Amino acid sequence: MPKRKAFINKNICVACGCCLKVCPKNAIEIFKGIYAQTHDDKCVGCGLCAKSCPADAIELTKN
């Protein structure tokens, strides 16, 4: 069964940090204050980050 992962669209992300605050696995960081990025090895695909993103820059994908 494919595992879900969070994908952050760097062109839409505004680096607000909302996703950081809700991620239970600390799988997201803000890269150089420009956009958020995920650490695939930590992401469990829970979807909390996507639900919290005000810019709708995060979607869950199947790997």
N, C-alpha and C. Protein backbone atom coordinates (compact mmCIF):
# COMPACT_ATOMS: atom_id res chain seq x y z
N MET A 1 0.84 -1.19 0.00
CA MET A 1 0.00 0.00 0.00
C MET A 1 0.89 1.25 0.00
N PRO A 2 0.63 2.19 -0.91
CA PRO A 2 1.45 3.41 -0.97
C PRO A 2 1.27 4.26 0.29
N LYS A 3 2.32 4.89 0.70
CA LYS A 3 2.30 5.74 1.88
C LYS A 3 2.05 7.18 1.46
N ARG A 4 1.20 7.88 2.20
CA ARG A 4 0.95 9.29 1.91
C ARG A 4 2.06 10.15 2.48
N LYS A 5 2.38 11.22 1.74
CA LYS A 5 3.38 12.20 2.18
C LYS A 5 2.86 13.59 1.86
N ALA A 6 3.30 14.56 2.62
CA ALA A 6 2.93 15.95 2.36
C ALA A 6 3.84 16.52 1.29
N PHE A 7 3.22 17.17 0.30
CA PHE A 7 3.97 17.87 -0.74
C PHE A 7 3.64 19.34 -0.62
N ILE A 8 4.67 20.17 -0.51
CA ILE A 8 4.47 21.62 -0.38
C ILE A 8 4.87 22.29 -1.68
N ASN A 9 3.93 23.03 -2.25
CA ASN A 9 4.18 23.77 -3.48
C ASN A 9 4.95 25.04 -3.10
N LYS A 10 6.22 25.10 -3.44
CA LYS A 10 7.08 26.22 -3.07
C LYS A 10 6.66 27.53 -3.71
N ASN A 11 5.95 27.45 -4.83
CA ASN A 11 5.51 28.66 -5.52
C ASN A 11 4.30 29.31 -4.84
N ILE A 12 3.61 28.54 -4.01
CA ILE A 12 2.41 29.06 -3.33
C ILE A 12 2.69 29.35 -1.86
N CYS A 13 3.59 28.59 -1.26
CA CYS A 13 3.88 28.71 0.17
C CYS A 13 4.35 30.12 0.53
N VAL A 14 3.81 30.64 1.65
CA VAL A 14 4.18 31.97 2.11
C VAL A 14 5.03 31.93 3.38
N ALA A 15 5.47 30.74 3.77
CA ALA A 15 6.35 30.54 4.94
C ALA A 15 5.77 31.12 6.22
N CYS A 16 4.47 30.94 6.43
CA CYS A 16 3.82 31.48 7.62
C CYS A 16 4.08 30.65 8.86
N GLY A 17 4.41 29.35 8.67
CA GLY A 17 4.72 28.49 9.80
C GLY A 17 3.54 27.77 10.42
N CYS A 18 2.35 27.93 9.88
CA CYS A 18 1.18 27.24 10.44
C CYS A 18 1.37 25.72 10.41
N CYS A 19 1.97 25.22 9.37
CA CYS A 19 2.18 23.77 9.24
C CYS A 19 3.18 23.27 10.28
N LEU A 20 4.18 24.07 10.59
CA LEU A 20 5.17 23.70 11.60
C LEU A 20 4.52 23.48 12.96
N LYS A 21 3.58 24.32 13.28
CA LYS A 21 2.95 24.29 14.59
C LYS A 21 2.10 23.04 14.81
N VAL A 22 1.55 22.48 13.74
CA VAL A 22 0.63 21.35 13.90
C VAL A 22 1.26 19.99 13.59
N CYS A 23 2.43 19.97 13.00
CA CYS A 23 3.06 18.70 12.62
C CYS A 23 3.51 17.92 13.86
N PRO A 24 2.93 16.73 14.09
CA PRO A 24 3.28 15.97 15.29
C PRO A 24 4.66 15.30 15.23
N LYS A 25 5.27 15.25 14.06
CA LYS A 25 6.55 14.57 13.89
C LYS A 25 7.71 15.53 13.58
N ASN A 26 7.46 16.83 13.63
CA ASN A 26 8.49 17.83 13.31
C ASN A 26 9.12 17.53 11.94
N ALA A 27 8.26 17.23 10.98
CA ALA A 27 8.72 16.85 9.64
C ALA A 27 8.79 18.02 8.68
N ILE A 28 8.52 19.22 9.16
CA ILE A 28 8.48 20.41 8.29
C ILE A 28 9.40 21.48 8.86
N GLU A 29 10.09 22.16 7.97
CA GLU A 29 10.91 23.31 8.38
C GLU A 29 10.75 24.42 7.35
N ILE A 30 11.04 25.63 7.78
CA ILE A 30 11.03 26.77 6.87
C ILE A 30 12.42 26.91 6.30
N PHE A 31 12.52 26.89 4.97
CA PHE A 31 13.80 26.96 4.28
C PHE A 31 14.15 28.41 3.98
N LYS A 32 15.18 28.90 4.62
CA LYS A 32 15.71 30.26 4.41
C LYS A 32 14.63 31.35 4.49
N GLY A 33 13.58 31.10 5.27
CA GLY A 33 12.52 32.08 5.44
C GLY A 33 11.67 32.30 4.20
N ILE A 34 11.80 31.41 3.21
CA ILE A 34 11.12 31.60 1.94
C ILE A 34 9.93 30.67 1.77
N TYR A 35 10.10 29.40 2.11
CA TYR A 35 9.01 28.42 1.96
C TYR A 35 9.25 27.25 2.91
N ALA A 36 8.20 26.50 3.15
CA ALA A 36 8.30 25.32 4.00
C ALA A 36 8.71 24.12 3.14
N GLN A 37 9.39 23.19 3.77
CA GLN A 37 9.73 21.94 3.08
C GLN A 37 9.57 20.79 4.06
N THR A 38 9.26 19.61 3.52
CA THR A 38 9.05 18.45 4.37
C THR A 38 10.28 17.55 4.38
N HIS A 39 10.39 16.80 5.44
CA HIS A 39 11.40 15.75 5.54
C HIS A 39 10.63 14.44 5.37
N ASP A 40 10.76 13.85 4.20
CA ASP A 40 9.99 12.65 3.88
C ASP A 40 10.23 11.50 4.85
N ASP A 41 11.42 11.44 5.42
CA ASP A 41 11.71 10.35 6.34
C ASP A 41 10.96 10.48 7.67
N LYS A 42 10.47 11.69 7.98
CA LYS A 42 9.73 11.91 9.21
C LYS A 42 8.22 12.01 8.99
N CYS A 43 7.80 12.40 7.81
CA CYS A 43 6.38 12.62 7.52
C CYS A 43 5.60 11.31 7.58
N VAL A 44 4.47 11.32 8.30
CA VAL A 44 3.62 10.14 8.42
C VAL A 44 2.33 10.28 7.61
N GLY A 45 2.17 11.40 6.90
CA GLY A 45 1.02 11.59 6.04
C GLY A 45 -0.30 11.82 6.76
N CYS A 46 -0.25 12.42 7.93
CA CYS A 46 -1.47 12.62 8.72
C CYS A 46 -2.39 13.69 8.12
N GLY A 47 -1.83 14.65 7.39
CA GLY A 47 -2.64 15.68 6.74
C GLY A 47 -2.93 16.92 7.57
N LEU A 48 -2.45 16.97 8.79
CA LEU A 48 -2.71 18.15 9.63
C LEU A 48 -2.12 19.42 9.02
N CYS A 49 -0.97 19.30 8.41
CA CYS A 49 -0.33 20.46 7.80
C CYS A 49 -1.18 21.01 6.65
N ALA A 50 -1.70 20.12 5.83
CA ALA A 50 -2.52 20.54 4.69
C ALA A 50 -3.80 21.24 5.16
N LYS A 51 -4.38 20.74 6.23
CA LYS A 51 -5.60 21.35 6.77
C LYS A 51 -5.33 22.72 7.36
N SER A 52 -4.12 22.93 7.89
CA SER A 52 -3.81 24.20 8.55
C SER A 52 -3.27 25.27 7.61
N CYS A 53 -2.92 24.91 6.40
CA CYS A 53 -2.28 25.86 5.48
C CYS A 53 -3.26 26.88 4.92
N PRO A 54 -3.09 28.16 5.26
CA PRO A 54 -4.01 29.19 4.76
C PRO A 54 -3.83 29.48 3.26
N ALA A 55 -2.70 29.10 2.70
CA ALA A 55 -2.44 29.35 1.27
C ALA A 55 -2.79 28.14 0.40
N ASP A 56 -3.25 27.05 1.01
CA ASP A 56 -3.54 25.80 0.28
C ASP A 56 -2.34 25.34 -0.53
N ALA A 57 -1.17 25.45 0.05
CA ALA A 57 0.07 25.08 -0.64
C ALA A 57 0.49 23.64 -0.39
N ILE A 58 -0.25 22.93 0.45
CA ILE A 58 0.15 21.56 0.82
C ILE A 58 -0.91 20.57 0.39
N GLU A 59 -0.46 19.50 -0.23
CA GLU A 59 -1.36 18.41 -0.59
C GLU A 59 -0.69 17.10 -0.21
N LEU A 60 -1.49 16.08 -0.01
CA LEU A 60 -0.96 14.76 0.30
C LEU A 60 -0.85 13.96 -0.98
N THR A 61 0.29 13.34 -1.16
CA THR A 61 0.51 12.53 -2.34
C THR A 61 0.82 11.10 -1.91
N LYS A 62 0.60 10.17 -2.79
CA LYS A 62 0.92 8.78 -2.50
C LYS A 62 2.26 8.46 -3.13
N ASN A 63 3.15 7.90 -2.33
CA ASN A 63 4.49 7.52 -2.81
C ASN A 63 4.51 6.06 -3.16
